[in-house]
mmCIF file of all heavy atoms, coordinates in Angstrom:
data_MODEL
# 
_entry.id   MODEL 
# 
loop_
_atom_site.group_PDB 
_atom_site.id 
_atom_site.type_symbol 
_atom_site.label_atom_id 
_atom_site.label_alt_id 
_atom_site.label_comp_id 
_atom_site.label_asym_id 
_atom_site.label_entity_id 
_atom_site.label_seq_id 
_atom_site.pdbx_PDB_ins_code 
_atom_site.Cartn_x 
_atom_site.Cartn_y 
_atom_site.Cartn_z 
_atom_site.occupancy 
_atom_site.B_iso_or_equiv 
_atom_site.pdbx_formal_charge 
_atom_site.auth_seq_id 
_atom_site.auth_comp_id 
_atom_site.auth_asym_id 
_atom_site.auth_atom_id 
_atom_site.pdbx_PDB_model_num 
ATOM 1   N N   . ILE A 1 1  ? -3.972 13.043 -14.999 1.00 0.00 ? 1  ILE A N   1 
ATOM 2   C CA  . ILE A 1 1  ? -3.462 13.707 -13.814 1.00 0.00 ? 1  ILE A CA  1 
ATOM 3   C C   . ILE A 1 1  ? -3.150 12.715 -12.713 1.00 0.00 ? 1  ILE A C   1 
ATOM 4   O O   . ILE A 1 1  ? -2.101 12.804 -12.055 1.00 0.00 ? 1  ILE A O   1 
ATOM 5   C CB  . ILE A 1 1  ? -4.469 14.765 -13.343 1.00 0.00 ? 1  ILE A CB  1 
ATOM 6   C CG1 . ILE A 1 1  ? -4.518 15.926 -14.367 1.00 0.00 ? 1  ILE A CG1 1 
ATOM 7   C CG2 . ILE A 1 1  ? -4.091 15.314 -11.969 1.00 0.00 ? 1  ILE A CG2 1 
ATOM 8   C CD1 . ILE A 1 1  ? -5.529 17.003 -14.031 1.00 0.00 ? 1  ILE A CD1 1 
ATOM 9   N N   . PHE A 1 2  ? -4.022 11.730 -12.493 1.00 0.00 ? 2  PHE A N   1 
ATOM 10  C CA  . PHE A 1 2  ? -3.765 10.747 -11.464 1.00 0.00 ? 2  PHE A CA  1 
ATOM 11  C C   . PHE A 1 2  ? -2.546 9.894  -11.792 1.00 0.00 ? 2  PHE A C   1 
ATOM 12  O O   . PHE A 1 2  ? -1.734 9.589  -10.921 1.00 0.00 ? 2  PHE A O   1 
ATOM 13  C CB  . PHE A 1 2  ? -4.995 9.858  -11.265 1.00 0.00 ? 2  PHE A CB  1 
ATOM 14  C CG  . PHE A 1 2  ? -4.849 8.824  -10.182 1.00 0.00 ? 2  PHE A CG  1 
ATOM 15  C CD1 . PHE A 1 2  ? -4.834 9.199  -8.850  1.00 0.00 ? 2  PHE A CD1 1 
ATOM 16  C CD2 . PHE A 1 2  ? -4.709 7.485  -10.494 1.00 0.00 ? 2  PHE A CD2 1 
ATOM 17  C CE1 . PHE A 1 2  ? -4.671 8.264  -7.854  1.00 0.00 ? 2  PHE A CE1 1 
ATOM 18  C CE2 . PHE A 1 2  ? -4.560 6.542  -9.504  1.00 0.00 ? 2  PHE A CE2 1 
ATOM 19  C CZ  . PHE A 1 2  ? -4.550 6.936  -8.173  1.00 0.00 ? 2  PHE A CZ  1 
ATOM 20  N N   . ALA A 1 3  ? -2.407 9.525  -13.073 1.00 0.00 ? 3  ALA A N   1 
ATOM 21  C CA  . ALA A 1 3  ? -1.262 8.726  -13.484 1.00 0.00 ? 3  ALA A CA  1 
ATOM 22  C C   . ALA A 1 3  ? 0.048  9.497  -13.285 1.00 0.00 ? 3  ALA A C   1 
ATOM 23  O O   . ALA A 1 3  ? 1.059  8.903  -12.869 1.00 0.00 ? 3  ALA A O   1 
ATOM 24  C CB  . ALA A 1 3  ? -1.412 8.322  -14.951 1.00 0.00 ? 3  ALA A CB  1 
ATOM 25  N N   . ILE A 1 4  ? 0.017  10.801 -13.557 1.00 0.00 ? 4  ILE A N   1 
ATOM 26  C CA  . ILE A 1 4  ? 1.222  11.620 -13.346 1.00 0.00 ? 4  ILE A CA  1 
ATOM 27  C C   . ILE A 1 4  ? 1.564  11.662 -11.868 1.00 0.00 ? 4  ILE A C   1 
ATOM 28  O O   . ILE A 1 4  ? 2.738  11.548 -11.475 1.00 0.00 ? 4  ILE A O   1 
ATOM 29  C CB  . ILE A 1 4  ? 1.002  13.041 -13.902 1.00 0.00 ? 4  ILE A CB  1 
ATOM 30  C CG1 . ILE A 1 4  ? 0.829  13.007 -15.436 1.00 0.00 ? 4  ILE A CG1 1 
ATOM 31  C CG2 . ILE A 1 4  ? 2.162  13.959 -13.531 1.00 0.00 ? 4  ILE A CG2 1 
ATOM 32  C CD1 . ILE A 1 4  ? 0.490  14.336 -16.045 1.00 0.00 ? 4  ILE A CD1 1 
ATOM 33  N N   . ALA A 1 5  ? 0.552  11.831 -11.020 1.00 0.00 ? 5  ALA A N   1 
ATOM 34  C CA  . ALA A 1 5  ? 0.786  11.886 -9.567  1.00 0.00 ? 5  ALA A CA  1 
ATOM 35  C C   . ALA A 1 5  ? 1.429  10.596 -9.065  1.00 0.00 ? 5  ALA A C   1 
ATOM 36  O O   . ALA A 1 5  ? 2.401  10.627 -8.297  1.00 0.00 ? 5  ALA A O   1 
ATOM 37  C CB  . ALA A 1 5  ? -0.520 12.154 -8.833  1.00 0.00 ? 5  ALA A CB  1 
ATOM 38  N N   . GLU A 1 6  ? 0.933  9.447  -9.523  1.00 0.00 ? 6  GLU A N   1 
ATOM 39  C CA  . GLU A 1 6  ? 1.501  8.199  -9.082  1.00 0.00 ? 6  GLU A CA  1 
ATOM 40  C C   . GLU A 1 6  ? 2.897  7.977  -9.642  1.00 0.00 ? 6  GLU A C   1 
ATOM 41  O O   . GLU A 1 6  ? 3.777  7.448  -8.967  1.00 0.00 ? 6  GLU A O   1 
ATOM 42  C CB  . GLU A 1 6  ? 0.591  7.045  -9.496  1.00 0.00 ? 6  GLU A CB  1 
ATOM 43  C CG  . GLU A 1 6  ? -0.754 7.024  -8.764  1.00 0.00 ? 6  GLU A CG  1 
ATOM 44  C CD  . GLU A 1 6  ? -1.316 5.609  -8.619  1.00 0.00 ? 6  GLU A CD  1 
ATOM 45  O OE1 . GLU A 1 6  ? -0.968 4.764  -9.460  1.00 0.00 ? 6  GLU A OE1 1 
ATOM 46  O OE2 . GLU A 1 6  ? -2.048 5.381  -7.651  1.00 0.00 ? 6  GLU A OE2 1 
ATOM 47  N N   . LEU A 1 7  ? 3.125  8.423  -10.886 1.00 0.00 ? 7  LEU A N   1 
ATOM 48  C CA  . LEU A 1 7  ? 4.441  8.275  -11.486 1.00 0.00 ? 7  LEU A CA  1 
ATOM 49  C C   . LEU A 1 7  ? 5.469  9.116  -10.747 1.00 0.00 ? 7  LEU A C   1 
ATOM 50  O O   . LEU A 1 7  ? 6.598  8.652  -10.463 1.00 0.00 ? 7  LEU A O   1 
ATOM 51  C CB  . LEU A 1 7  ? 4.368  8.709  -12.954 1.00 0.00 ? 7  LEU A CB  1 
ATOM 52  C CG  . LEU A 1 7  ? 5.675  8.582  -13.754 1.00 0.00 ? 7  LEU A CG  1 
ATOM 53  C CD1 . LEU A 1 7  ? 6.116  7.120  -13.824 1.00 0.00 ? 7  LEU A CD1 1 
ATOM 54  C CD2 . LEU A 1 7  ? 5.471  9.126  -15.176 1.00 0.00 ? 7  LEU A CD2 1 
ATOM 55  N N   . LEU A 1 8  ? 5.120  10.352 -10.386 1.00 0.00 ? 8  LEU A N   1 
ATOM 56  C CA  . LEU A 1 8  ? 6.044  11.201 -9.656  1.00 0.00 ? 8  LEU A CA  1 
ATOM 57  C C   . LEU A 1 8  ? 6.349  10.640 -8.266  1.00 0.00 ? 8  LEU A C   1 
ATOM 58  O O   . LEU A 1 8  ? 7.481  10.672 -7.795  1.00 0.00 ? 8  LEU A O   1 
ATOM 59  C CB  . LEU A 1 8  ? 5.461  12.618 -9.528  1.00 0.00 ? 8  LEU A CB  1 
ATOM 60  C CG  . LEU A 1 8  ? 5.307  13.401 -10.833 1.00 0.00 ? 8  LEU A CG  1 
ATOM 61  C CD1 . LEU A 1 8  ? 4.597  14.720 -10.586 1.00 0.00 ? 8  LEU A CD1 1 
ATOM 62  C CD2 . LEU A 1 8  ? 6.659  13.658 -11.482 1.00 0.00 ? 8  LEU A CD2 1 
ATOM 63  N N   . THR A 1 9  ? 5.308  10.120 -7.616  1.00 0.00 ? 9  THR A N   1 
ATOM 64  C CA  . THR A 1 9  ? 5.507  9.549  -6.281  1.00 0.00 ? 9  THR A CA  1 
ATOM 65  C C   . THR A 1 9  ? 6.385  8.322  -6.365  1.00 0.00 ? 9  THR A C   1 
ATOM 66  O O   . THR A 1 9  ? 7.326  8.167  -5.553  1.00 0.00 ? 9  THR A O   1 
ATOM 67  C CB  . THR A 1 9  ? 4.146  9.174  -5.663  1.00 0.00 ? 9  THR A CB  1 
ATOM 68  O OG1 . THR A 1 9  ? 3.338  10.346 -5.538  1.00 0.00 ? 9  THR A OG1 1 
ATOM 69  C CG2 . THR A 1 9  ? 4.341  8.562  -4.272  1.00 0.00 ? 9  THR A CG2 1 
ATOM 70  N N   . GLY A 1 10 ? 6.138  7.442  -7.324  1.00 0.00 ? 10 GLY A N   1 
ATOM 71  C CA  . GLY A 1 10 ? 6.943  6.245  -7.460  1.00 0.00 ? 10 GLY A CA  1 
ATOM 72  C C   . GLY A 1 10 ? 8.378  6.525  -7.844  1.00 0.00 ? 10 GLY A C   1 
ATOM 73  O O   . GLY A 1 10 ? 9.292  5.780  -7.474  1.00 0.00 ? 10 GLY A O   1 
ATOM 74  N N   . SER A 1 11 ? 8.613  7.649  -8.541  1.00 0.00 ? 11 SER A N   1 
ATOM 75  C CA  . SER A 1 11 ? 9.965  8.026  -8.944  1.00 0.00 ? 11 SER A CA  1 
ATOM 76  C C   . SER A 1 11 ? 10.721 8.731  -7.844  1.00 0.00 ? 11 SER A C   1 
ATOM 77  O O   . SER A 1 11 ? 11.923 9.032  -8.002  1.00 0.00 ? 11 SER A O   1 
ATOM 78  C CB  . SER A 1 11 ? 9.902  8.910  -10.201 1.00 0.00 ? 11 SER A CB  1 
ATOM 79  O OG  . SER A 1 11 ? 9.273  8.235  -11.281 1.00 0.00 ? 11 SER A OG  1 
ATOM 80  N N   . GLY A 1 12 ? 10.022 9.052  -6.742  1.00 0.00 ? 12 GLY A N   1 
ATOM 81  C CA  . GLY A 1 12 ? 10.716 9.670  -5.620  1.00 0.00 ? 12 GLY A CA  1 
ATOM 82  C C   . GLY A 1 12 ? 10.846 11.169 -5.695  1.00 0.00 ? 12 GLY A C   1 
ATOM 83  O O   . GLY A 1 12 ? 11.596 11.766 -4.901  1.00 0.00 ? 12 GLY A O   1 
ATOM 84  N N   . PHE A 1 13 ? 10.142 11.828 -6.640  1.00 0.00 ? 13 PHE A N   1 
ATOM 85  C CA  . PHE A 1 13 ? 10.219 13.274 -6.702  1.00 0.00 ? 13 PHE A CA  1 
ATOM 86  C C   . PHE A 1 13 ? 9.426  13.874 -5.558  1.00 0.00 ? 13 PHE A C   1 
ATOM 87  O O   . PHE A 1 13 ? 8.269  13.486 -5.313  1.00 0.00 ? 13 PHE A O   1 
ATOM 88  C CB  . PHE A 1 13 ? 9.653  13.794 -8.037  1.00 0.00 ? 13 PHE A CB  1 
ATOM 89  C CG  . PHE A 1 13 ? 10.489 13.414 -9.236  1.00 0.00 ? 13 PHE A CG  1 
ATOM 90  C CD1 . PHE A 1 13 ? 10.001 12.535 -10.183 1.00 0.00 ? 13 PHE A CD1 1 
ATOM 91  C CD2 . PHE A 1 13 ? 11.763 13.937 -9.389  1.00 0.00 ? 13 PHE A CD2 1 
ATOM 92  C CE1 . PHE A 1 13 ? 10.763 12.181 -11.281 1.00 0.00 ? 13 PHE A CE1 1 
ATOM 93  C CE2 . PHE A 1 13 ? 12.524 13.592 -10.496 1.00 0.00 ? 13 PHE A CE2 1 
ATOM 94  C CZ  . PHE A 1 13 ? 12.041 12.713 -11.426 1.00 0.00 ? 13 PHE A CZ  1 
ATOM 95  N N   . PRO A 1 14 ? 9.978  14.813 -4.824  1.00 0.00 ? 14 PRO A N   1 
ATOM 96  C CA  . PRO A 1 14 ? 9.249  15.380 -3.664  1.00 0.00 ? 14 PRO A CA  1 
ATOM 97  C C   . PRO A 1 14 ? 8.051  16.204 -4.116  1.00 0.00 ? 14 PRO A C   1 
ATOM 98  O O   . PRO A 1 14 ? 8.170  16.989 -5.066  1.00 0.00 ? 14 PRO A O   1 
ATOM 99  C CB  . PRO A 1 14 ? 10.296 16.253 -2.976  1.00 0.00 ? 14 PRO A CB  1 
ATOM 100 C CG  . PRO A 1 14 ? 11.257 16.625 -4.066  1.00 0.00 ? 14 PRO A CG  1 
ATOM 101 C CD  . PRO A 1 14 ? 11.298 15.441 -4.994  1.00 0.00 ? 14 PRO A CD  1 
ATOM 102 N N   . SER A 1 15 ? 6.936  16.018 -3.458  1.00 0.00 ? 15 SER A N   1 
ATOM 103 C CA  . SER A 1 15 ? 5.743  16.824 -3.749  1.00 0.00 ? 15 SER A CA  1 
ATOM 104 C C   . SER A 1 15 ? 5.958  18.235 -3.221  1.00 0.00 ? 15 SER A C   1 
ATOM 105 O O   . SER A 1 15 ? 6.874  18.464 -2.429  1.00 0.00 ? 15 SER A O   1 
ATOM 106 C CB  . SER A 1 15 ? 4.534  16.176 -3.114  1.00 0.00 ? 15 SER A CB  1 
ATOM 107 O OG  . SER A 1 15 ? 4.642  16.228 -1.693  1.00 0.00 ? 15 SER A OG  1 
ATOM 108 N N   . PRO A 1 16 ? 5.127  19.194 -3.618  1.00 0.00 ? 16 PRO A N   1 
ATOM 109 C CA  . PRO A 1 16 ? 5.280  20.571 -3.103  1.00 0.00 ? 16 PRO A CA  1 
ATOM 110 C C   . PRO A 1 16 ? 5.277  20.643 -1.573  1.00 0.00 ? 16 PRO A C   1 
ATOM 111 O O   . PRO A 1 16 ? 6.069  21.362 -0.986  1.00 0.00 ? 16 PRO A O   1 
ATOM 112 C CB  . PRO A 1 16 ? 4.081  21.298 -3.705  1.00 0.00 ? 16 PRO A CB  1 
ATOM 113 C CG  . PRO A 1 16 ? 3.818  20.578 -4.988  1.00 0.00 ? 16 PRO A CG  1 
ATOM 114 C CD  . PRO A 1 16 ? 4.116  19.140 -4.697  1.00 0.00 ? 16 PRO A CD  1 
ATOM 115 N N   . SER A 1 17 ? 4.379  19.878 -0.931  1.00 0.00 ? 17 SER A N   1 
ATOM 116 C CA  . SER A 1 17 ? 4.337  19.944 0.541   1.00 0.00 ? 17 SER A CA  1 
ATOM 117 C C   . SER A 1 17 ? 5.541  19.236 1.170   1.00 0.00 ? 17 SER A C   1 
ATOM 118 O O   . SER A 1 17 ? 5.957  19.612 2.256   1.00 0.00 ? 17 SER A O   1 
ATOM 119 C CB  . SER A 1 17 ? 3.030  19.321 1.033   1.00 0.00 ? 17 SER A CB  1 
ATOM 120 O OG  . SER A 1 17 ? 2.891  17.992 0.595   1.00 0.00 ? 17 SER A OG  1 
ATOM 121 N N   . ALA A 1 18 ? 6.089  18.224 0.507   1.00 0.00 ? 18 ALA A N   1 
ATOM 122 C CA  . ALA A 1 18 ? 7.260  17.544 1.046   1.00 0.00 ? 18 ALA A CA  1 
ATOM 123 C C   . ALA A 1 18 ? 8.512  18.366 0.831   1.00 0.00 ? 18 ALA A C   1 
ATOM 124 O O   . ALA A 1 18 ? 9.438  18.360 1.652   1.00 0.00 ? 18 ALA A O   1 
ATOM 125 C CB  . ALA A 1 18 ? 7.414  16.162 0.397   1.00 0.00 ? 18 ALA A CB  1 
ATOM 126 N N   . TYR A 1 19 ? 8.610  19.095 -0.280  1.00 0.00 ? 19 TYR A N   1 
ATOM 127 C CA  . TYR A 1 19 ? 9.796  19.860 -0.606  1.00 0.00 ? 19 TYR A CA  1 
ATOM 128 C C   . TYR A 1 19 ? 9.931  21.104 0.292   1.00 0.00 ? 19 TYR A C   1 
ATOM 129 O O   . TYR A 1 19 ? 11.002 21.532 0.635   1.00 0.00 ? 19 TYR A O   1 
ATOM 130 C CB  . TYR A 1 19 ? 9.750  20.293 -2.067  1.00 0.00 ? 19 TYR A CB  1 
ATOM 131 C CG  . TYR A 1 19 ? 11.024 20.955 -2.543  1.00 0.00 ? 19 TYR A CG  1 
ATOM 132 C CD1 . TYR A 1 19 ? 12.206 20.234 -2.700  1.00 0.00 ? 19 TYR A CD1 1 
ATOM 133 C CD2 . TYR A 1 19 ? 11.032 22.318 -2.866  1.00 0.00 ? 19 TYR A CD2 1 
ATOM 134 C CE1 . TYR A 1 19 ? 13.363 20.834 -3.134  1.00 0.00 ? 19 TYR A CE1 1 
ATOM 135 C CE2 . TYR A 1 19 ? 12.196 22.935 -3.300  1.00 0.00 ? 19 TYR A CE2 1 
ATOM 136 C CZ  . TYR A 1 19 ? 13.345 22.193 -3.438  1.00 0.00 ? 19 TYR A CZ  1 
ATOM 137 O OH  . TYR A 1 19 ? 14.505 22.807 -3.870  1.00 0.00 ? 19 TYR A OH  1 
ATOM 138 N N   . ASP A 1 20 ? 8.782  21.695 0.667   1.00 0.00 ? 20 ASP A N   1 
ATOM 139 C CA  . ASP A 1 20 ? 8.783  22.907 1.474   1.00 0.00 ? 20 ASP A CA  1 
ATOM 140 C C   . ASP A 1 20 ? 8.051  22.607 2.783   1.00 0.00 ? 20 ASP A C   1 
ATOM 141 O O   . ASP A 1 20 ? 6.945  23.039 3.011   1.00 0.00 ? 20 ASP A O   1 
ATOM 142 C CB  . ASP A 1 20 ? 8.106  24.052 0.727   1.00 0.00 ? 20 ASP A CB  1 
ATOM 143 C CG  . ASP A 1 20 ? 8.257  25.382 1.435   1.00 0.00 ? 20 ASP A CG  1 
ATOM 144 O OD1 . ASP A 1 20 ? 8.909  25.431 2.498   1.00 0.00 ? 20 ASP A OD1 1 
ATOM 145 O OD2 . ASP A 1 20 ? 7.729  26.384 0.923   1.00 0.00 ? 20 ASP A OD2 1 
ATOM 146 N N   . ARG A 1 21 ? 8.701  21.850 3.675   1.00 0.00 ? 21 ARG A N   1 
ATOM 147 C CA  . ARG A 1 21 ? 8.029  21.419 4.893   1.00 0.00 ? 21 ARG A CA  1 
ATOM 148 C C   . ARG A 1 21 ? 7.771  22.580 5.843   1.00 0.00 ? 21 ARG A C   1 
ATOM 149 O O   . ARG A 1 21 ? 6.789  22.560 6.592   1.00 0.00 ? 21 ARG A O   1 
ATOM 150 C CB  . ARG A 1 21 ? 8.912  20.408 5.628   1.00 0.00 ? 21 ARG A CB  1 
ATOM 151 C CG  . ARG A 1 21 ? 9.059  19.081 4.924   1.00 0.00 ? 21 ARG A CG  1 
ATOM 152 C CD  . ARG A 1 21 ? 7.714  18.436 4.601   1.00 0.00 ? 21 ARG A CD  1 
ATOM 153 N NE  . ARG A 1 21 ? 6.930  18.207 5.799   1.00 0.00 ? 21 ARG A NE  1 
ATOM 154 C CZ  . ARG A 1 21 ? 5.600  18.100 5.800   1.00 0.00 ? 21 ARG A CZ  1 
ATOM 155 N NH1 . ARG A 1 21 ? 4.902  18.267 4.677   1.00 0.00 ? 21 ARG A NH1 1 
ATOM 156 N NH2 . ARG A 1 21 ? 4.949  17.862 6.905   1.00 0.00 ? 21 ARG A NH2 1 
ATOM 157 N N   . ALA A 1 22 ? 8.604  23.623 5.814   1.00 0.00 ? 22 ALA A N   1 
ATOM 158 C CA  . ALA A 1 22 ? 8.435  24.733 6.727   1.00 0.00 ? 22 ALA A CA  1 
ATOM 159 C C   . ALA A 1 22 ? 7.086  25.422 6.511   1.00 0.00 ? 22 ALA A C   1 
ATOM 160 O O   . ALA A 1 22 ? 6.467  25.908 7.463   1.00 0.00 ? 22 ALA A O   1 
ATOM 161 C CB  . ALA A 1 22 ? 9.556  25.736 6.546   1.00 0.00 ? 22 ALA A CB  1 
ATOM 162 N N   . ARG A 1 23 ? 6.613  25.470 5.273   1.00 0.00 ? 23 ARG A N   1 
ATOM 163 C CA  . ARG A 1 23 ? 5.350  26.121 4.966   1.00 0.00 ? 23 ARG A CA  1 
ATOM 164 C C   . ARG A 1 23 ? 4.189  25.137 4.933   1.00 0.00 ? 23 ARG A C   1 
ATOM 165 O O   . ARG A 1 23 ? 3.052  25.567 4.735   1.00 0.00 ? 23 ARG A O   1 
ATOM 166 C CB  . ARG A 1 23 ? 5.437  26.835 3.611   1.00 0.00 ? 23 ARG A CB  1 
ATOM 167 C CG  . ARG A 1 23 ? 6.413  28.005 3.552   1.00 0.00 ? 23 ARG A CG  1 
ATOM 168 C CD  . ARG A 1 23 ? 6.479  28.514 2.130   1.00 0.00 ? 23 ARG A CD  1 
ATOM 169 N NE  . ARG A 1 23 ? 7.451  29.587 1.966   1.00 0.00 ? 23 ARG A NE  1 
ATOM 170 C CZ  . ARG A 1 23 ? 7.179  30.868 1.994   1.00 0.00 ? 23 ARG A CZ  1 
ATOM 171 N NH1 . ARG A 1 23 ? 5.920  31.270 2.198   1.00 0.00 ? 23 ARG A NH1 1 
ATOM 172 N NH2 . ARG A 1 23 ? 8.104  31.792 1.844   1.00 0.00 ? 23 ARG A NH2 1 
ATOM 173 N N   . ASN A 1 24 ? 4.459  23.860 5.031   1.00 0.00 ? 24 ASN A N   1 
ATOM 174 C CA  . ASN A 1 24 ? 3.410  22.868 4.869   1.00 0.00 ? 24 ASN A CA  1 
ATOM 175 C C   . ASN A 1 24 ? 3.399  21.853 6.003   1.00 0.00 ? 24 ASN A C   1 
ATOM 176 O O   . ASN A 1 24 ? 3.243  20.655 5.790   1.00 0.00 ? 24 ASN A O   1 
ATOM 177 C CB  . ASN A 1 24 ? 3.570  22.125 3.541   1.00 0.00 ? 24 ASN A CB  1 
ATOM 178 C CG  . ASN A 1 24 ? 3.377  23.036 2.342   1.00 0.00 ? 24 ASN A CG  1 
ATOM 179 O OD1 . ASN A 1 24 ? 2.261  23.296 1.897   1.00 0.00 ? 24 ASN A OD1 1 
ATOM 180 N ND2 . ASN A 1 24 ? 4.503  23.526 1.789   1.00 0.00 ? 24 ASN A ND2 1 
ATOM 181 N N   . LYS A 1 25 ? 3.550  22.341 7.234   1.00 0.00 ? 25 LYS A N   1 
ATOM 182 C CA  . LYS A 1 25 ? 3.550  21.430 8.369   1.00 0.00 ? 25 LYS A CA  1 
ATOM 183 C C   . LYS A 1 25 ? 2.201  20.773 8.571   1.00 0.00 ? 25 LYS A C   1 
ATOM 184 O O   . LYS A 1 25 ? 2.111  19.721 9.188   1.00 0.00 ? 25 LYS A O   1 
ATOM 185 C CB  . LYS A 1 25 ? 3.935  22.206 9.626   1.00 0.00 ? 25 LYS A CB  1 
ATOM 186 C CG  . LYS A 1 25 ? 5.365  22.747 9.601   1.00 0.00 ? 25 LYS A CG  1 
ATOM 187 C CD  . LYS A 1 25 ? 5.676  23.553 10.844  1.00 0.00 ? 25 LYS A CD  1 
ATOM 188 C CE  . LYS A 1 25 ? 7.086  24.116 10.791  1.00 0.00 ? 25 LYS A CE  1 
ATOM 189 N NZ  . LYS A 1 25 ? 7.413  24.926 11.994  1.00 0.00 ? 25 LYS A NZ  1 
ATOM 190 N N   . HIS A 1 26 ? 1.137  21.402 8.032   1.00 0.00 ? 26 HIS A N   1 
ATOM 191 C CA  . HIS A 1 26 ? -0.202 20.852 8.211   1.00 0.00 ? 26 HIS A CA  1 
ATOM 192 C C   . HIS A 1 26 ? -0.501 19.768 7.189   1.00 0.00 ? 26 HIS A C   1 
ATOM 193 O O   . HIS A 1 26 ? -1.567 19.142 7.249   1.00 0.00 ? 26 HIS A O   1 
ATOM 194 C CB  . HIS A 1 26 ? -1.232 21.970 8.075   1.00 0.00 ? 26 HIS A CB  1 
ATOM 195 C CG  . HIS A 1 26 ? -1.196 22.706 6.772   1.00 0.00 ? 26 HIS A CG  1 
ATOM 196 N ND1 . HIS A 1 26 ? -0.106 23.438 6.378   1.00 0.00 ? 26 HIS A ND1 1 
ATOM 197 C CD2 . HIS A 1 26 ? -2.102 22.793 5.766   1.00 0.00 ? 26 HIS A CD2 1 
ATOM 198 C CE1 . HIS A 1 26 ? -0.340 23.965 5.191   1.00 0.00 ? 26 HIS A CE1 1 
ATOM 199 N NE2 . HIS A 1 26 ? -1.526 23.583 4.793   1.00 0.00 ? 26 HIS A NE2 1 
ATOM 200 N N   . ARG A 1 27 ? 0.405  19.526 6.230   1.00 0.00 ? 27 ARG A N   1 
ATOM 201 C CA  . ARG A 1 27 ? 0.208  18.495 5.225   1.00 0.00 ? 27 ARG A CA  1 
ATOM 202 C C   . ARG A 1 27 ? 1.225  17.369 5.448   1.00 0.00 ? 27 ARG A C   1 
ATOM 203 O O   . ARG A 1 27 ? 2.336  17.600 5.884   1.00 0.00 ? 27 ARG A O   1 
ATOM 204 C CB  . ARG A 1 27 ? 0.342  19.071 3.821   1.00 0.00 ? 27 ARG A CB  1 
ATOM 205 C CG  . ARG A 1 27 ? -0.752 20.054 3.456   1.00 0.00 ? 27 ARG A CG  1 
ATOM 206 C CD  . ARG A 1 27 ? -0.680 20.409 1.967   1.00 0.00 ? 27 ARG A CD  1 
ATOM 207 N NE  . ARG A 1 27 ? -1.820 21.206 1.559   1.00 0.00 ? 27 ARG A NE  1 
ATOM 208 C CZ  . ARG A 1 27 ? -1.807 22.546 1.480   1.00 0.00 ? 27 ARG A CZ  1 
ATOM 209 N NH1 . ARG A 1 27 ? -0.725 23.195 1.803   1.00 0.00 ? 27 ARG A NH1 1 
ATOM 210 N NH2 . ARG A 1 27 ? -2.882 23.195 1.082   1.00 0.00 ? 27 ARG A NH2 1 
ATOM 211 N N   . SER A 1 28 ? 0.831  16.161 5.051   1.00 0.00 ? 28 SER A N   1 
ATOM 212 C CA  . SER A 1 28 ? 1.684  15.014 5.334   1.00 0.00 ? 28 SER A CA  1 
ATOM 213 C C   . SER A 1 28 ? 2.883  14.946 4.403   1.00 0.00 ? 28 SER A C   1 
ATOM 214 O O   . SER A 1 28 ? 3.947  14.475 4.771   1.00 0.00 ? 28 SER A O   1 
ATOM 215 C CB  . SER A 1 28 ? 0.873  13.708 5.216   1.00 0.00 ? 28 SER A CB  1 
ATOM 216 O OG  . SER A 1 28 ? 0.472  13.504 3.875   1.00 0.00 ? 28 SER A OG  1 
ATOM 217 N N   . GLY A 1 29 ? 2.719  15.410 3.143   1.00 0.00 ? 29 GLY A N   1 
ATOM 218 C CA  . GLY A 1 29 ? 3.808  15.313 2.171   1.00 0.00 ? 29 GLY A CA  1 
ATOM 219 C C   . GLY A 1 29 ? 4.097  13.883 1.773   1.00 0.00 ? 29 GLY A C   1 
ATOM 220 O O   . GLY A 1 29 ? 5.157  13.597 1.204   1.00 0.00 ? 29 GLY A O   1 
ATOM 221 N N   . ILE A 1 30 ? 3.156  12.989 2.030   1.00 0.00 ? 30 ILE A N   1 
ATOM 222 C CA  . ILE A 1 30 ? 3.413  11.561 1.822   1.00 0.00 ? 30 ILE A CA  1 
ATOM 223 C C   . ILE A 1 30 ? 3.470  11.200 0.341   1.00 0.00 ? 30 ILE A C   1 
ATOM 224 O O   . ILE A 1 30 ? 4.137  10.237 -0.045  1.00 0.00 ? 30 ILE A O   1 
ATOM 225 C CB  . ILE A 1 30 ? 2.339  10.720 2.545   1.00 0.00 ? 30 ILE A CB  1 
ATOM 226 C CG1 . ILE A 1 30 ? 2.775  9.282  2.668   1.00 0.00 ? 30 ILE A CG1 1 
ATOM 227 C CG2 . ILE A 1 30 ? 0.982  10.822 1.830   1.00 0.00 ? 30 ILE A CG2 1 
ATOM 228 C CD1 . ILE A 1 30 ? 1.893  8.469  3.562   1.00 0.00 ? 30 ILE A CD1 1 
ATOM 229 N N   . ALA A 1 31 ? 2.810  11.964 -0.509  1.00 0.00 ? 31 ALA A N   1 
ATOM 230 C CA  . ALA A 1 31 ? 2.780  11.619 -1.925  1.00 0.00 ? 31 ALA A CA  1 
ATOM 231 C C   . ALA A 1 31 ? 2.247  12.803 -2.713  1.00 0.00 ? 31 ALA A C   1 
ATOM 232 O O   . ALA A 1 31 ? 1.731  13.778 -2.162  1.00 0.00 ? 31 ALA A O   1 
ATOM 233 C CB  . ALA A 1 31 ? 1.909  10.390 -2.155  1.00 0.00 ? 31 ALA A CB  1 
# 
């Protein structure tokens, strides 16, 4: 799971909180 998270971040795929910023203002969406 951790390897998948780093792979997705490194590939530039937006995380759930980064993709939907309107609903996730309290999260950084950094990775």
